[in-house]
Amino acid sequence: METITHNLVAVVIQILCFNFLRFPWNLTFTIFFAFISHIFVDAIAVITYHTPDPHKEDKFWL
């Protein structure tokens, strides 16, 4: 799931940068936003990660 999320964010960033910016800036901002979004996507992945096995003692699984 993490790979799918990274790829989806990358596609959105590239579409936005290439539609709104000219040549030297679209590549520069694509690389910059890819780096920044990687931090956010990884942070969300760490926060929301859990194993698929139910833990009966954990209140999350009620």
PDB file of N, CA and C in Angstrom:
ATOM      1  N   MET A   1       0.817  -1.195   0.000  1.00  0.00           N
ATOM      2  CA  MET A   1       0.000   0.000   0.000  1.00  0.00           C
ATOM      3  C   MET A   1       0.860   1.258   0.000  1.00  0.00           C
ATOM      4  N   GLU A   2       2.000   1.185   0.629  1.00  0.00           N
ATOM      5  CA  GLU A   2       2.863   2.369   0.691  1.00  0.00           C
ATOM      6  C   GLU A   2       3.395   2.737  -0.694  1.00  0.00           C
ATOM      7  N   THR A   3       3.709   1.744  -1.499  1.00  0.00           N
ATOM      8  CA  THR A   3       4.201   2.008  -2.851  1.00  0.00           C
ATOM      9  C   THR A   3       3.121   2.667  -3.704  1.00  0.00           C
ATOM     10  N   ILE A   4       1.901   2.197  -3.568  1.00  0.00           N
ATOM     11  CA  ILE A   4       0.794   2.778  -4.323  1.00  0.00           C
ATOM     12  C   ILE A   4       0.611   4.245  -3.941  1.00  0.00           C
ATOM     13  N   THR A   5       0.674   4.535  -2.655  1.00  0.00           N
ATOM     14  CA  THR A   5       0.503   5.908  -2.179  1.00  0.00           C
ATOM     15  C   THR A   5       1.625   6.802  -2.684  1.00  0.00           C
ATOM     16  N   HIS A   6       2.863   6.321  -2.623  1.00  0.00           N
ATOM     17  CA  HIS A   6       3.996   7.103  -3.125  1.00  0.00           C
ATOM     18  C   HIS A   6       3.831   7.400  -4.619  1.00  0.00           C
ATOM     19  N   ASN A   7       3.444   6.392  -5.386  1.00  0.00           N
ATOM     20  CA  ASN A   7       3.284   6.590  -6.826  1.00  0.00           C
ATOM     21  C   ASN A   7       2.145   7.546  -7.146  1.00  0.00           C
ATOM     22  N   LEU A   8       1.044   7.442  -6.416  1.00  0.00           N
ATOM     23  CA  LEU A   8      -0.083   8.339  -6.647  1.00  0.00           C
ATOM     24  C   LEU A   8       0.286   9.785  -6.340  1.00  0.00           C
ATOM     25  N   VAL A   9       0.978  10.009  -5.246  1.00  0.00           N
ATOM     26  CA  VAL A   9       1.418  11.363  -4.894  1.00  0.00           C
ATOM     27  C   VAL A   9       2.403  11.883  -5.941  1.00  0.00           C
ATOM     28  N   ALA A  10       3.280  11.025  -6.422  1.00  0.00           N
ATOM     29  CA  ALA A  10       4.249  11.438  -7.446  1.00  0.00           C
ATOM     30  C   ALA A  10       3.551  11.852  -8.739  1.00  0.00           C
ATOM     31  N   VAL A  11       2.540  11.114  -9.140  1.00  0.00           N
ATOM     32  CA  VAL A  11       1.802  11.455 -10.360  1.00  0.00           C
ATOM     33  C   VAL A  11       1.089  12.791 -10.201  1.00  0.00           C
ATOM     34  N   VAL A  12       0.459  13.006  -9.053  1.00  0.00           N
ATOM     35  CA  VAL A  12      -0.241  14.273  -8.807  1.00  0.00           C
ATOM     36  C   VAL A  12       0.743  15.440  -8.821  1.00  0.00           C
ATOM     37  N   ILE A  13       1.886  15.270  -8.166  1.00  0.00           N
ATOM     38  CA  ILE A  13       2.897  16.334  -8.140  1.00  0.00           C
ATOM     39  C   ILE A  13       3.390  16.648  -9.549  1.00  0.00           C
ATOM     40  N   GLN A  14       3.679  15.616 -10.322  1.00  0.00           N
ATOM     41  CA  GLN A  14       4.203  15.855 -11.664  1.00  0.00           C
ATOM     42  C   GLN A  14       3.159  16.511 -12.565  1.00  0.00           C
ATOM     43  N   ILE A  15       1.912  16.093 -12.476  1.00  0.00           N
ATOM     44  CA  ILE A  15       0.864  16.718 -13.287  1.00  0.00           C
ATOM     45  C   ILE A  15       0.723  18.191 -12.930  1.00  0.00           C
ATOM     46  N   LEU A  16       0.681  18.497 -11.639  1.00  0.00           N
ATOM     47  CA  LEU A  16       0.528  19.893 -11.222  1.00  0.00           C
ATOM     48  C   LEU A  16       1.720  20.747 -11.629  1.00  0.00           C
ATOM     49  N   CYS A  17       2.922  20.242 -11.409  1.00  0.00           N
ATOM     50  CA  CYS A  17       4.116  21.025 -11.755  1.00  0.00           C
ATOM     51  C   CYS A  17       4.239  21.238 -13.262  1.00  0.00           C
ATOM     52  N   PHE A  18       3.956  20.212 -14.050  1.00  0.00           N
ATOM     53  CA  PHE A  18       4.119  20.342 -15.492  1.00  0.00           C
ATOM     54  C   PHE A  18       2.991  21.154 -16.124  1.00  0.00           C
ATOM     55  N   ASN A  19       1.847  21.272 -15.453  1.00  0.00           N
ATOM     56  CA  ASN A  19       0.764  22.101 -15.990  1.00  0.00           C
ATOM     57  C   ASN A  19       0.936  23.576 -15.657  1.00  0.00           C
ATOM     58  N   PHE A  20       1.531  23.885 -14.525  1.00  0.00           N
ATOM     59  CA  PHE A  20       1.566  25.271 -14.061  1.00  0.00           C
ATOM     60  C   PHE A  20       2.935  25.937 -14.128  1.00  0.00           C
ATOM     61  N   LEU A  21       3.992  25.198 -14.417  1.00  0.00           N
ATOM     62  CA  LEU A  21       5.331  25.782 -14.424  1.00  0.00           C
ATOM     63  C   LEU A  21       6.017  25.539 -15.754  1.00  0.00           C
ATOM     64  N   ARG A  22       6.965  26.404 -16.092  1.00  0.00           N
ATOM     65  CA  ARG A  22       7.739  26.267 -17.326  1.00  0.00           C
ATOM     66  C   ARG A  22       8.929  25.340 -17.116  1.00  0.00           C
ATOM     67  N   PHE A  23       9.658  25.101 -18.218  1.00  0.00           N
ATOM     68  CA  PHE A  23      10.665  24.036 -18.262  1.00  0.00           C
ATOM     69  C   PHE A  23      11.660  23.986 -17.111  1.00  0.00           C
ATOM     70  N   PRO A  24      12.472  24.940 -16.860  1.00  0.00           N
ATOM     71  CA  PRO A  24      13.463  24.658 -15.817  1.00  0.00           C
ATOM     72  C   PRO A  24      12.825  24.520 -14.443  1.00  0.00           C
ATOM     73  N   TRP A  25      11.698  25.204 -14.241  1.00  0.00           N
ATOM     74  CA  TRP A  25      11.083  25.189 -12.912  1.00  0.00           C
ATOM     75  C   TRP A  25      10.238  23.948 -12.672  1.00  0.00           C
ATOM     76  N   ASN A  26       9.638  23.388 -13.712  1.00  0.00           N
ATOM     77  CA  ASN A  26       8.789  22.226 -13.478  1.00  0.00           C
ATOM     78  C   ASN A  26       9.587  21.028 -12.979  1.00  0.00           C
ATOM     79  N   LEU A  27      10.778  20.832 -13.509  1.00  0.00           N
ATOM     80  CA  LEU A  27      11.614  19.732 -13.017  1.00  0.00           C
ATOM     81  C   LEU A  27      12.143  20.013 -11.612  1.00  0.00           C
ATOM     82  N   THR A  28      12.546  21.246 -11.378  1.00  0.00           N
ATOM     83  CA  THR A  28      13.078  21.621 -10.068  1.00  0.00           C
ATOM     84  C   THR A  28      12.022  21.456  -8.982  1.00  0.00           C
ATOM     85  N   PHE A  29      10.830  21.969  -9.237  1.00  0.00           N
ATOM     86  CA  PHE A  29       9.772  21.871  -8.236  1.00  0.00           C
ATOM     87  C   PHE A  29       9.245  20.447  -8.089  1.00  0.00           C
ATOM     88  N   THR A  30       9.265  19.664  -9.166  1.00  0.00           N
ATOM     89  CA  THR A  30       8.869  18.261  -9.058  1.00  0.00           C
ATOM     90  C   THR A  30       9.805  17.521  -8.118  1.00  0.00           C
ATOM     91  N   ILE A  31      11.102  17.736  -8.269  1.00  0.00           N
ATOM     92  CA  ILE A  31      12.076  17.089  -7.382  1.00  0.00           C
ATOM     93  C   ILE A  31      11.912  17.578  -5.949  1.00  0.00           C
ATOM     94  N   PHE A  32      11.732  18.879  -5.774  1.00  0.00           N
ATOM     95  CA  PHE A  32      11.570  19.445  -4.434  1.00  0.00           C
ATOM     96  C   PHE A  32      10.309  18.913  -3.749  1.00  0.00           C
ATOM     97  N   PHE A  33       9.176  18.967  -4.448  1.00  0.00           N
ATOM     98  CA  PHE A  33       7.925  18.496  -3.850  1.00  0.00           C
ATOM     99  C   PHE A  33       7.932  16.983  -3.639  1.00  0.00           C
ATOM    100  N   ALA A  34       8.638  16.246  -4.486  1.00  0.00           N
ATOM    101  CA  ALA A  34       8.755  14.800  -4.282  1.00  0.00           C
ATOM    102  C   ALA A  34       9.507  14.503  -2.993  1.00  0.00           C
ATOM    103  N   PHE A  35      10.565  15.249  -2.746  1.00  0.00           N
ATOM    104  CA  PHE A  35      11.332  15.064  -1.508  1.00  0.00           C
ATOM    105  C   PHE A  35      10.481  15.396  -0.287  1.00  0.00           C
ATOM    106  N   ILE A  36       9.783  16.530  -0.337  1.00  0.00           N
ATOM    107  CA  ILE A  36       8.953  16.955   0.791  1.00  0.00           C
ATOM    108  C   ILE A  36       7.784  15.992   0.998  1.00  0.00           C
ATOM    109  N   SER A  37       7.134  15.580  -0.072  1.00  0.00           N
ATOM    110  CA  SER A  37       5.985  14.681   0.069  1.00  0.00           C
ATOM    111  C   SER A  37       6.409  13.310   0.577  1.00  0.00           C
ATOM    112  N   HIS A  38       7.630  12.906   0.247  1.00  0.00           N
ATOM    113  CA  HIS A  38       8.130  11.624   0.738  1.00  0.00           C
ATOM    114  C   HIS A  38       8.173  11.617   2.267  1.00  0.00           C
ATOM    115  N   ILE A  39       8.557  12.719   2.856  1.00  0.00           N
ATOM    116  CA  ILE A  39       8.590  12.831   4.319  1.00  0.00           C
ATOM    117  C   ILE A  39       7.183  12.686   4.882  1.00  0.00           C
ATOM    118  N   PHE A  40       6.216  13.387   4.283  1.00  0.00           N
ATOM    119  CA  PHE A  40       4.841  13.338   4.782  1.00  0.00           C
ATOM    120  C   PHE A  40       4.206  11.963   4.585  1.00  0.00           C
ATOM    121  N   VAL A  41       4.397  11.362   3.414  1.00  0.00           N
ATOM    122  CA  VAL A  41       3.799  10.058   3.147  1.00  0.00           C
ATOM    123  C   VAL A  41       4.397   9.000   4.071  1.00  0.00           C
ATOM    124  N   ASP A  42       5.701   9.054   4.305  1.00  0.00           N
ATOM    125  CA  ASP A  42       6.317   8.104   5.230  1.00  0.00           C
ATOM    126  C   ASP A  42       5.829   8.304   6.657  1.00  0.00           C
ATOM    127  N   ALA A  43       5.637   9.545   7.067  1.00  0.00           N
ATOM    128  CA  ALA A  43       5.131   9.806   8.421  1.00  0.00           C
ATOM    129  C   ALA A  43       3.716   9.266   8.582  1.00  0.00           C
ATOM    130  N   ILE A  44       2.883   9.467   7.590  1.00  0.00           N
ATOM    131  CA  ILE A  44       1.515   8.943   7.658  1.00  0.00           C
ATOM    132  C   ILE A  44       1.525   7.419   7.636  1.00  0.00           C
ATOM    133  N   ALA A  45       2.421   6.823   6.853  1.00  0.00           N
ATOM    134  CA  ALA A  45       2.507   5.364   6.800  1.00  0.00           C
ATOM    135  C   ALA A  45       2.928   4.788   8.150  1.00  0.00           C
ATOM    136  N   VAL A  46       3.839   5.441   8.829  1.00  0.00           N
ATOM    137  CA  VAL A  46       4.279   4.965  10.147  1.00  0.00           C
ATOM    138  C   VAL A  46       3.151   5.108  11.165  1.00  0.00           C
ATOM    139  N   ILE A  47       2.432   6.223  11.113  1.00  0.00           N
ATOM    140  CA  ILE A  47       1.349   6.455  12.072  1.00  0.00           C
ATOM    141  C   ILE A  47       0.219   5.453  11.876  1.00  0.00           C
ATOM    142  N   THR A  48      -0.131   5.144  10.641  1.00  0.00           N
ATOM    143  CA  THR A  48      -1.296   4.305  10.369  1.00  0.00           C
ATOM    144  C   THR A  48      -0.963   2.829  10.206  1.00  0.00           C
ATOM    145  N   TYR A  49       0.295   2.444  10.357  1.00  0.00           N
ATOM    146  CA  TYR A  49       0.662   1.045  10.154  1.00  0.00           C
ATOM    147  C   TYR A  49       0.155   0.180  11.295  1.00  0.00           C
ATOM    148  N   HIS A  50      -0.404  -0.938  10.951  1.00  0.00           N
ATOM    149  CA  HIS A  50      -0.747  -1.973  11.923  1.00  0.00           C
ATOM    150  C   HIS A  50      -0.763  -3.311  11.194  1.00  0.00           C
ATOM    151  N   THR A  51      -0.556  -4.366  11.944  1.00  0.00           N
ATOM    152  CA  THR A  51      -0.547  -5.694  11.343  1.00  0.00           C
ATOM    153  C   THR A  51      -1.981  -6.122  11.049  1.00  0.00           C
ATOM    154  N   PRO A  52      -2.181  -7.000  10.094  1.00  0.00           N
ATOM    155  CA  PRO A  52      -3.541  -7.436   9.777  1.00  0.00           C
ATOM    156  C   PRO A  52      -4.125  -8.396  10.808  1.00  0.00           C
ATOM    157  N   ASP A  53      -3.286  -8.909  11.714  1.00  0.00           N
ATOM    158  CA  ASP A  53      -3.771  -9.838  12.730  1.00  0.00           C
ATOM    159  C   ASP A  53      -4.514  -9.081  13.829  1.00  0.00           C
ATOM    160  N   PRO A  54      -5.716  -9.539  14.201  1.00  0.00           N
ATOM    161  CA  PRO A  54      -6.446  -8.849  15.267  1.00  0.00           C
ATOM    162  C   PRO A  54      -5.794  -9.086  16.625  1.00  0.00           C
ATOM    163  N   HIS A  55      -5.718  -8.048  17.410  1.00  0.00           N
ATOM    164  CA  HIS A  55      -5.206  -8.138  18.778  1.00  0.00           C
ATOM    165  C   HIS A  55      -6.394  -7.965  19.709  1.00  0.00           C
ATOM    166  N   LYS A  56      -6.823  -9.053  20.308  1.00  0.00           N
ATOM    167  CA  LYS A  56      -8.039  -9.028  21.131  1.00  0.00           C
ATOM    168  C   LYS A  56      -7.903  -8.110  22.343  1.00  0.00           C
ATOM    169  N   GLU A  57      -6.701  -7.949  22.872  1.00  0.00           N
ATOM    170  CA  GLU A  57      -6.508  -7.126  24.065  1.00  0.00           C
ATOM    171  C   GLU A  57      -6.440  -5.631  23.756  1.00  0.00           C
ATOM    172  N   ASP A  58      -6.289  -5.287  22.487  1.00  0.00           N
ATOM    173  CA  ASP A  58      -6.184  -3.884  22.101  1.00  0.00           C
ATOM    174  C   ASP A  58      -7.569  -3.304  21.829  1.00  0.00           C
ATOM    175  N   LYS A  59      -7.858  -2.113  22.338  1.00  0.00           N
ATOM    176  CA  LYS A  59      -9.175  -1.499  22.168  1.00  0.00           C
ATOM    177  C   LYS A  59      -9.419  -1.049  20.731  1.00  0.00           C
ATOM    178  N   PHE A  60      -8.360  -0.928  19.946  1.00  0.00           N
ATOM    179  CA  PHE A  60      -8.509  -0.550  18.541  1.00  0.00           C
ATOM    180  C   PHE A  60      -9.318  -1.590  17.780  1.00  0.00           C
ATOM    181  N   TRP A  61      -9.196  -2.842  18.151  1.00  0.00           N
ATOM    182  CA  TRP A  61      -9.801  -3.940  17.410  1.00  0.00           C
ATOM    183  C   TRP A  61     -11.206  -4.279  17.877  1.00  0.00           C
ATOM    184  N   LEU A  62     -11.812  -3.469  18.720  1.00  0.00           N
ATOM    185  CA  LEU A  62     -13.176  -3.759  19.184  1.00  0.00           C
ATOM    186  C   LEU A  62     -14.195  -3.522  18.102  1.00  0.00           C
TER     187      LEU A  62
END
